[in-house]
């Protein structure tokens, strides 16, 4: 390995040393890491450039299932169905059509989501007005995001279908037994959507909503948790009403995205061979000025479709919390070390006082 120190680039994004790594690597050139088998790119302008290169394609998540000894077949039918309707898993015209379908649906649900926020956010955030200890993941953040996504997909999502770890389907490192459990969870969620949407719903309609849940829910849960934890730590001891919330989240749950060179090319100062993997570290933007925070959502053809929804929700949460006079201090915050995809805390405990 060459480049920025001796970190483990499979896990550094969720460990205490991540801040030191990100701050130092923001000014470091790209370097190749043999453990991750990828070029690690952290410098902000270079990250932005690489995300917009047409010949760098998202890593095909479905291939990890197709290449298993057991094969795909019926073993991972619901996982495959979800991937077949997630724009991030597609290229070319199929990708463009899937993005159009999803973006049109999200735009059409805007009024319903706005109404949901006005009606439901005060209740979800009421815990911040009550002095005492609170575990925010279970008490606030996960229920809030589940309610929002139920509104987004226009289908009720009961507790037993919360599927808080559904994004692990993207994780190349998990074992077969965990993949089998995820397939069972995905099958139950797919069946629930089909039942509630009725027999007239097409595969594309069901798949689009399933894809939104798979890609979006954990990402938003983690982004809210990471951003709130950072904000509360920066303003420890201050009343919520005195905190000036930034317009955008300060952190992202998506530590990095990977791109594969479709052919030999030069991009972002790198000489890439066909098949070379480039890891673009989005977390770098959390250690720069607020003017960079919008870059958490990516750039180019695969930029995040949920950006408007995430930004609006963040603003609504900020508007509500700044009406409260309580103080919030983080007492325990832990990211799981067995997940290599999204940063979703397992524990987010706070002390709330007046």
Protein backbone atom coordinates (compact mmCIF):
# COMPACT_ATOMS: atom_id res chain seq x y z
CA UNK A 1 0.00 0.00 0.00
CA UNK A 2 1.14 3.51 -0.70
CA UNK A 3 -0.23 6.83 0.45
CA UNK A 4 -1.92 8.06 3.61
CA UNK A 5 -0.57 6.05 6.50
CA UNK A 6 -1.38 2.57 7.77
CA UNK A 7 -5.15 2.69 8.21
CA UNK A 8 -7.40 -0.23 7.37
CA UNK A 9 -9.39 1.24 4.50
CA UNK A 10 -12.11 -1.38 4.88
CA UNK A 11 -13.06 -0.08 8.33
CA UNK A 12 -11.49 3.35 8.91
CA UNK A 13 -14.70 5.15 7.88
CA UNK A 14 -16.46 4.03 11.06
CA UNK A 15 -13.63 4.07 13.59
CA UNK A 16 -12.37 6.85 15.91
CA UNK A 17 -9.33 7.53 13.72
CA UNK A 18 -11.52 8.38 10.72
CA UNK A 19 -11.41 12.12 11.45
CA UNK A 20 -7.61 12.21 11.48
CA UNK A 21 -7.51 10.19 8.25
CA UNK A 22 -10.06 12.36 6.47
CA UNK A 23 -8.44 15.63 7.51
CA UNK A 24 -4.98 14.54 6.37
CA UNK A 25 -6.12 12.78 3.20
CA UNK A 26 -8.08 15.80 1.94
CA UNK A 27 -4.76 17.17 0.67
CA UNK A 28 -3.20 13.81 -0.27
CA UNK A 29 -3.00 12.36 -3.79
CA UNK A 30 -4.90 9.15 -4.58
CA UNK A 31 -3.22 5.95 -3.48
CA UNK A 32 -3.80 2.27 -4.11
CA UNK A 33 -4.76 0.02 -1.22
CA UNK A 34 -4.23 -3.72 -1.68
CA UNK A 35 -6.66 -4.70 1.06
CA UNK A 36 -9.54 -2.75 -0.44
CA UNK A 37 -8.21 -3.56 -3.94
CA UNK A 38 -9.06 -0.03 -4.96
CA UNK A 39 -7.67 3.42 -5.53
CA UNK A 40 -8.59 5.54 -2.47
CA UNK A 41 -9.51 9.11 -3.42
CA UNK A 42 -10.27 11.67 -0.70
CA UNK A 43 -9.19 15.06 -2.09
CA UNK A 44 -12.50 16.95 -2.58
CA UNK A 45 -12.07 18.35 -6.10
CA UNK A 46 -10.72 15.06 -7.40
CA UNK A 47 -13.68 13.20 -5.86
CA UNK A 48 -16.10 15.53 -7.61
CA UNK A 49 -14.32 15.08 -10.93
CA UNK A 50 -14.28 11.29 -10.75
CA UNK A 51 -17.98 11.07 -9.88
CA UNK A 52 -18.82 12.80 -13.15
CA UNK A 53 -16.66 10.66 -15.47
CA UNK A 54 -19.04 8.69 -17.76
CA UNK A 55 -16.64 5.78 -18.17
CA UNK A 56 -16.49 5.10 -14.44
CA UNK A 57 -19.49 2.91 -13.64
CA UNK A 58 -21.00 1.93 -10.27
CA UNK A 59 -19.84 -1.41 -8.97
CA UNK A 60 -22.43 -4.00 -10.08
CA UNK A 61 -23.88 -5.25 -6.77
CA UNK A 62 -25.88 -8.07 -8.31
CA UNK A 63 -22.79 -9.86 -9.61
CA UNK A 64 -21.79 -10.83 -6.06
CA UNK A 65 -24.91 -12.94 -5.81
CA UNK A 66 -24.70 -14.34 -9.33
CA UNK A 67 -21.13 -15.48 -8.74
CA UNK A 68 -21.91 -17.47 -5.60
CA UNK A 69 -21.52 -21.25 -5.76
CA UNK A 70 -25.22 -21.69 -5.02
CA UNK A 71 -26.09 -19.50 -8.01
CA UNK A 72 -28.97 -17.09 -8.05
CA UNK A 73 -32.03 -19.07 -9.10
CA UNK A 74 -34.73 -18.88 -6.48
CA UNK A 75 -32.22 -18.60 -3.63
CA UNK A 76 -32.00 -14.79 -3.86
CA UNK A 77 -34.97 -13.99 -6.06
CA UNK A 78 -36.20 -10.97 -4.06
CA UNK A 79 -32.71 -9.49 -3.71
CA UNK A 80 -32.25 -9.86 -7.47
CA UNK A 81 -35.68 -8.30 -8.07
CA UNK A 82 -34.71 -5.27 -5.96
CA UNK A 83 -31.36 -4.83 -7.72
CA UNK A 84 -33.08 -5.03 -11.10
CA UNK A 85 -35.09 -1.92 -10.16
CA UNK A 86 -32.40 0.18 -8.45
CA UNK A 87 -30.95 2.79 -10.84
CA UNK A 88 -27.55 2.50 -9.17
CA UNK A 89 -27.38 -1.10 -10.42
CA UNK A 90 -28.01 -0.14 -14.06
CA UNK A 91 -26.32 1.53 -17.02
CA UNK A 92 -27.44 3.11 -20.25
CA UNK A 93 -31.09 3.47 -21.19
CA UNK A 94 -32.30 1.09 -18.49
CA UNK A 95 -30.63 3.32 -15.94
CA UNK A 96 -32.13 6.48 -17.43
CA UNK A 97 -35.63 4.99 -17.49
CA UNK A 98 -35.38 3.74 -13.91
CA UNK A 99 -34.21 7.18 -12.74
CA UNK A 100 -37.07 8.87 -14.59
CA UNK A 101 -39.58 6.53 -13.00
CA UNK A 102 -38.21 7.04 -9.49
CA UNK A 103 -37.73 10.81 -9.76
CA UNK A 104 -41.22 11.28 -11.16
CA UNK A 105 -42.68 9.26 -8.30
CA UNK A 106 -40.71 11.15 -5.63
CA UNK A 107 -41.82 14.50 -7.08
CA UNK A 108 -45.45 13.35 -7.14
CA UNK A 109 -45.28 12.41 -3.45
CA UNK A 110 -43.91 15.78 -2.35
CA UNK A 111 -47.20 17.20 -1.07
CA UNK A 112 -48.02 14.02 0.83
CA UNK A 113 -44.57 14.03 2.46
CA UNK A 114 -44.89 17.72 3.34
CA UNK A 115 -48.24 17.03 5.00
CA UNK A 116 -46.79 14.03 6.84
CA UNK A 117 -43.92 16.16 8.17
CA UNK A 118 -46.24 18.90 9.42
CA UNK A 119 -48.44 16.36 11.17
CA UNK A 120 -45.91 13.81 12.45
CA UNK A 121 -42.56 15.49 13.07
CA UNK A 122 -43.63 17.24 16.31
CA UNK A 123 -44.53 13.87 17.81
CA UNK A 124 -41.37 12.14 16.62
CA UNK A 125 -39.18 14.94 17.97
CA UNK A 126 -41.06 15.40 21.25
CA UNK A 127 -38.45 13.29 23.08
CA UNK A 128 -36.00 16.18 22.74
CA UNK A 129 -38.22 18.29 25.01
CA UNK A 130 -38.14 15.72 27.84
CA UNK A 131 -35.20 15.81 30.28
CA UNK A 132 -33.49 12.48 30.90
CA UNK A 133 -31.58 9.84 28.99
CA UNK A 134 -32.69 8.78 25.52
CA UNK A 135 -31.52 6.31 22.90
CA UNK A 136 -32.27 8.24 19.76
CA UNK A 137 -32.02 5.45 17.18
CA UNK A 138 -34.98 3.51 18.57
CA UNK A 139 -36.85 6.40 20.16
CA UNK A 140 -36.65 8.97 17.36
CA UNK A 141 -34.62 8.45 14.20
CA UNK A 142 -35.64 5.00 12.96
CA UNK A 143 -39.39 5.47 13.59
CA UNK A 144 -39.26 8.92 12.00
CA UNK A 145 -37.58 7.69 8.82
CA UNK A 146 -39.84 4.64 8.62
CA UNK A 147 -42.87 6.94 8.74
CA UNK A 148 -41.43 9.14 6.03
CA UNK A 149 -40.69 6.18 3.75
CA UNK A 150 -44.12 4.68 4.33
CA UNK A 151 -45.48 7.99 3.06
CA UNK A 152 -43.02 8.02 0.17
CA UNK A 153 -43.96 4.56 -1.10
CA UNK A 154 -47.63 5.04 -0.12
CA UNK A 155 -47.68 1.73 1.75
CA UNK A 156 -47.84 1.18 5.50
CA UNK A 157 -44.62 -0.32 6.91
CA UNK A 158 -45.38 -2.25 10.12
CA UNK A 159 -42.73 -2.78 12.80
CA UNK A 160 -41.92 -6.33 11.75
CA UNK A 161 -40.97 -5.03 8.28
CA UNK A 162 -38.68 -2.27 9.57
CA UNK A 163 -35.70 -4.13 8.05
CA UNK A 164 -33.20 -1.83 9.70
CA UNK A 165 -30.25 -3.63 8.08
CA UNK A 166 -31.66 -3.97 4.58
CA UNK A 167 -28.76 -2.03 3.04
CA UNK A 168 -26.44 -4.90 3.95
CA UNK A 169 -27.48 -6.51 0.66
CA UNK A 170 -24.79 -4.28 -0.87
CA UNK A 171 -22.10 -5.59 1.49
CA UNK A 172 -19.65 -7.93 -0.22
CA UNK A 173 -18.19 -9.15 3.06
CA UNK A 174 -21.22 -10.69 4.81
CA UNK A 175 -21.54 -14.45 5.06
CA UNK A 176 -24.03 -16.73 3.38
CA UNK A 177 -26.28 -17.20 6.42
CA UNK A 178 -26.71 -13.46 6.73
CA UNK A 179 -27.47 -13.18 3.03
CA UNK A 180 -30.13 -15.87 3.38
CA UNK A 181 -31.76 -13.94 6.24
CA UNK A 182 -31.69 -10.76 4.18
CA UNK A 183 -33.35 -12.57 1.29
CA UNK A 184 -36.11 -13.74 3.62
CA UNK A 185 -36.60 -10.18 4.88
CA UNK A 186 -36.62 -8.84 1.33
CA UNK A 187 -39.13 -11.45 0.22
CA UNK A 188 -41.45 -10.50 3.09
CA UNK A 189 -41.19 -6.81 2.19
CA UNK A 190 -41.80 -7.51 -1.50
CA UNK A 191 -44.84 -9.63 -0.66
CA UNK A 192 -46.18 -6.88 1.61
CA UNK A 193 -45.83 -4.28 -1.15
CA UNK A 194 -47.57 -6.52 -3.69
CA UNK A 195 -50.40 -7.23 -1.27
CA UNK A 196 -51.00 -3.58 -0.41
CA UNK A 197 -50.60 -2.30 -3.97
CA UNK A 198 -53.03 -4.86 -5.34
CA UNK A 199 -53.04 -7.19 -8.34
CA UNK A 200 -52.94 -4.33 -10.84
CA UNK A 201 -49.47 -3.20 -9.78
CA UNK A 202 -46.75 -4.00 -12.31
CA UNK A 203 -43.33 -5.41 -11.46
CA UNK A 204 -41.81 -2.03 -12.29
CA UNK A 205 -44.13 -0.25 -9.84
CA UNK A 206 -43.44 -2.73 -7.05
CA UNK A 207 -39.72 -2.89 -7.81
CA UNK A 208 -39.33 0.89 -7.88
CA UNK A 209 -40.80 1.21 -4.37
CA UNK A 210 -38.77 -1.72 -3.08
CA UNK A 211 -35.65 -0.13 -4.54
CA UNK A 212 -36.37 3.18 -2.82
CA UNK A 213 -36.61 1.39 0.52
CA UNK A 214 -33.42 -0.60 -0.03
CA UNK A 215 -31.26 2.33 -1.14
CA UNK A 216 -32.80 5.23 0.74
CA UNK A 217 -33.97 4.25 4.20
CA UNK A 218 -30.72 3.25 5.88
CA UNK A 219 -28.84 6.06 4.13
CA UNK A 220 -31.23 8.65 5.56
CA UNK A 221 -31.26 7.07 9.04
CA UNK A 222 -27.47 7.16 9.16
CA UNK A 223 -27.16 10.65 7.70
CA UNK A 224 -29.52 12.09 10.30
CA UNK A 225 -27.76 10.27 13.14
CA UNK A 226 -24.24 11.19 12.01
CA UNK A 227 -25.20 14.83 11.45
CA UNK A 228 -27.12 15.25 14.71
CA UNK A 229 -24.35 13.57 16.73
CA UNK A 230 -21.78 15.91 15.19
CA UNK A 231 -23.98 18.96 15.78
CA UNK A 232 -24.77 18.07 19.41
CA UNK A 233 -21.07 17.43 20.10
CA UNK A 234 -20.01 20.74 18.56
CA UNK A 235 -22.62 22.61 20.61
CA UNK A 236 -22.50 20.61 23.84
CA UNK A 237 -24.17 22.51 26.68
CA UNK A 238 -26.04 24.94 24.45
CA UNK A 239 -29.82 25.12 24.35
CA UNK A 240 -31.21 23.78 21.09
CA UNK A 241 -32.86 27.15 20.53
CA UNK A 242 -29.44 28.86 20.37
CA UNK A 243 -27.91 26.50 17.80
CA UNK A 244 -27.73 27.71 14.22
CA UNK A 245 -28.43 24.57 12.24
CA UNK A 246 -26.64 24.35 8.88
CA UNK A 247 -28.86 24.26 5.81
CA UNK A 248 -27.57 20.81 4.86
CA UNK A 249 -26.57 17.76 6.89
CA UNK A 250 -22.94 17.98 8.03
CA UNK A 251 -22.23 14.27 7.69
CA UNK A 252 -23.29 11.42 5.45
CA UNK A 253 -24.11 7.79 6.15
CA UNK A 254 -22.49 6.84 2.83
CA UNK A 255 -18.76 6.90 3.58
CA UNK A 256 -17.74 6.15 0.02
CA UNK A 257 -18.94 5.01 -3.38
CA UNK A 258 -17.02 2.79 -5.74
CA UNK A 259 -16.67 3.08 -9.48
CA UNK A 260 -15.24 0.61 -11.99
CA UNK A 261 -13.32 1.68 -15.08
CA UNK A 262 -15.28 0.43 -18.11
CA UNK A 263 -12.14 0.68 -20.23
CA UNK A 264 -8.56 1.90 -19.91
CA UNK A 265 -8.64 5.64 -19.27
CA UNK A 266 -7.09 8.63 -17.58
CA UNK A 267 -9.36 10.26 -15.01
CA UNK A 268 -8.78 12.42 -11.96
CA UNK A 269 -5.05 12.15 -12.39
CA UNK A 270 -5.20 8.34 -12.42
CA UNK A 271 -4.07 5.98 -15.17
CA UNK A 272 -6.72 3.28 -14.94
CA UNK A 273 -6.84 -0.11 -16.62
CA UNK A 274 -10.15 -1.70 -17.56
CA UNK A 275 -11.76 -3.09 -14.41
CA UNK A 276 -9.79 -0.93 -11.97
CA UNK A 277 -11.80 0.02 -8.90
CA UNK A 278 -11.88 3.60 -7.59
CA UNK A 279 -13.19 4.36 -4.11
CA UNK A 280 -14.45 7.95 -3.91
CA UNK A 281 -14.65 8.93 -0.23
CA UNK A 282 -17.74 11.10 0.23
CA UNK A 283 -17.01 11.58 3.92
CA UNK A 284 -14.29 14.02 2.91
CA UNK A 285 -16.97 16.68 2.44
CA UNK A 286 -17.86 16.54 6.13
CA UNK A 287 -14.44 17.96 6.95
CA UNK A 288 -14.63 20.95 4.66
CA UNK A 289 -16.70 24.12 4.54
CA UNK A 290 -20.50 24.07 4.50
CA UNK A 291 -20.38 25.00 0.82
CA UNK A 292 -19.13 21.44 0.14
CA UNK A 293 -21.88 19.58 2.00
CA UNK A 294 -24.16 19.29 -1.03
CA UNK A 295 -21.52 17.04 -2.58
CA UNK A 296 -22.47 14.27 -0.16
CA UNK A 297 -25.19 13.50 -2.70
CA UNK A 298 -22.75 12.76 -5.51
CA UNK A 299 -22.57 14.11 -9.02
CA UNK A 300 -23.13 12.99 -12.57
CA UNK A 301 -25.58 10.41 -13.86
CA UNK A 302 -25.76 8.51 -10.57
CA UNK A 303 -26.27 11.48 -8.22
CA UNK A 304 -28.61 10.73 -5.30
CA UNK A 305 -32.29 10.96 -6.23
CA UNK A 306 -33.21 11.55 -2.60
CA UNK A 307 -31.31 14.80 -2.18
CA UNK A 308 -34.38 17.13 -2.24
CA UNK A 309 -36.23 14.90 0.22
CA UNK A 310 -33.25 14.65 2.58
CA UNK A 311 -32.59 18.39 2.53
CA UNK A 312 -36.24 19.25 3.15
CA UNK A 313 -36.48 16.81 6.04
CA UNK A 314 -33.28 18.16 7.60
CA UNK A 315 -34.68 21.69 7.39
CA UNK A 316 -37.96 20.64 8.97
CA UNK A 317 -36.14 18.89 11.83
CA UNK A 318 -33.95 21.93 12.39
CA UNK A 319 -36.97 24.25 12.43
CA UNK A 320 -38.63 22.11 15.09
CA UNK A 321 -35.62 21.55 17.32
CA UNK A 322 -34.72 25.24 17.44
CA UNK A 323 -38.05 25.92 19.17
CA UNK A 324 -36.86 23.89 22.18
CA UNK A 325 -34.86 25.20 25.14
CA UNK A 326 -33.43 21.84 26.22
CA UNK A 327 -29.77 20.89 25.97
CA UNK A 328 -28.57 17.67 24.36
CA UNK A 329 -25.22 16.00 25.07
CA UNK A 330 -24.03 12.80 23.43
CA UNK A 331 -23.16 10.19 26.07
CA UNK A 332 -22.61 7.12 23.87
CA UNK A 333 -22.33 6.76 20.12
CA UNK A 334 -21.27 3.53 18.43
CA UNK A 335 -21.03 2.52 14.80
CA UNK A 336 -21.07 -1.22 14.07
CA UNK A 337 -17.76 -2.60 12.83
CA UNK A 338 -19.35 -5.46 10.88
CA UNK A 339 -20.93 -3.30 8.18
CA UNK A 340 -18.95 -1.94 5.22
CA UNK A 341 -21.68 -0.03 3.42
CA UNK A 342 -23.59 2.64 5.36
CA UNK A 343 -22.72 4.28 8.68
CA UNK A 344 -25.83 3.58 10.74
CA UNK A 345 -25.16 3.80 14.50
CA UNK A 346 -26.10 0.83 16.63
CA UNK A 347 -26.31 3.11 19.69
CA UNK A 348 -26.91 6.85 19.94
CA UNK A 349 -27.52 7.77 23.58
CA UNK A 350 -27.93 11.35 24.78
CA UNK A 351 -28.57 13.21 28.01
CA UNK A 352 -31.30 15.83 27.71
CA UNK A 353 -31.49 18.63 30.28
CA UNK A 354 -33.07 22.02 30.80
